[in-house]
């Protein structure tokens, strides 16, 4: 089988640390979890990353929404979000009553838990939950003190993508986009437009300036954050355009305005499928940041049974394989790997790293920066500070 596509910010203050240290995370009192899924309410309103809720309209080969509606009677409506900050704000609309659920990345999940926007989930009602890769069954970005706030969906790296006609030798270091000294790609570099991108600079500095003492790119002291921000301010001189909507990077590469920069698998997959320009991607020596996305249910969901049914449906191996082949991300359900290998061969392992626990552990997955450093200290800079610094970097 040929793969079509192979490959206002909510400030997080002390309340995040407080909420995440209480039993039950963002919940209050004793959790009352459902013991069974009832009849569907006939509708489901979701927030999702583009490509995560496909009904065959973009490509008739890929449709996991229609069979879900046919089996459950839950008609799916979706609002696509382009950034984690946008999704956090959307989930808080109307006191959290507008949307039933969200496909949240790790830099948004803890904020939603802290703000009590999302509900604790009874994973026993998700038949495929035990099939998830081990490190994603109780990860810190969606599980607090043993309380689960979501079901794993897809994951992937923020790797370095480059135009092979211009960047003729595969880069081995992120210095290709951070080193401003006679950089041949200056003016055609791109980067992800989000405060969380500061972590990419911190990961680079962790390797190149060990005297800074960076151990976790999301747990930065004031000095470590300032160093990362200074690096990004220097890089800004070489940036052609920052991208938040993934199609902006695709367009930039295909028009020749961009030739190198951080990217998601779907960006590379689309460019390679379009065949307008040659592009490849690499994992530089310093490592990469990345994301592991979670389906989370609103704590005020109007259609909770449909949302539980959706989480159960999208956690199955068959559905996650479809998403992987369409979007280019890696399934959380390890049983998807057999079908993925059958469909795309060696790429399931060499490109997707399907079921590869060690590769997943090597990725610095997005998480919400908190004042609590996680090492007994509380002198780290939280996400509200990161947001202020990102505005300085962007000059807007």
Foldseek 3Di string as FASTA:
>chain_A
DDQLQAAVFDFDAVLLVVQLQDVPRLDDDDADADPEFDAFPQEAEEEEAPLQADCCPVHVVFHLQVVLCVVRNYHYDYDYDLDQRVVLVVCPPPNNAPHFKYFHKAQNQSVCSSVQFFGFHDCVHQVLLVLFQVCPSADPSAHGNNTGFFGWFFKFFQFKKFFCVQVVDADQAPCQQQVPDVRPQFQQEEEAQDLLCLLVLLLRCVVVPVVLVDDASLFHFPVSSVVSLVSLLSSLRRHNYYDRRLVVVLVSVLVVSHGMYTHHTSSQSVNVSVVSTDMDTDAHPSGTAMIIITMGTTPNYPGNSSSSSVRSSSLDLVNSLSSCSHRNTEGRRLVVLVVNCVVPNPCSCPPHVRSPPVSVVRHSYDHFRALPSVPPGRRGDGPVVSRVSSCVSVVD
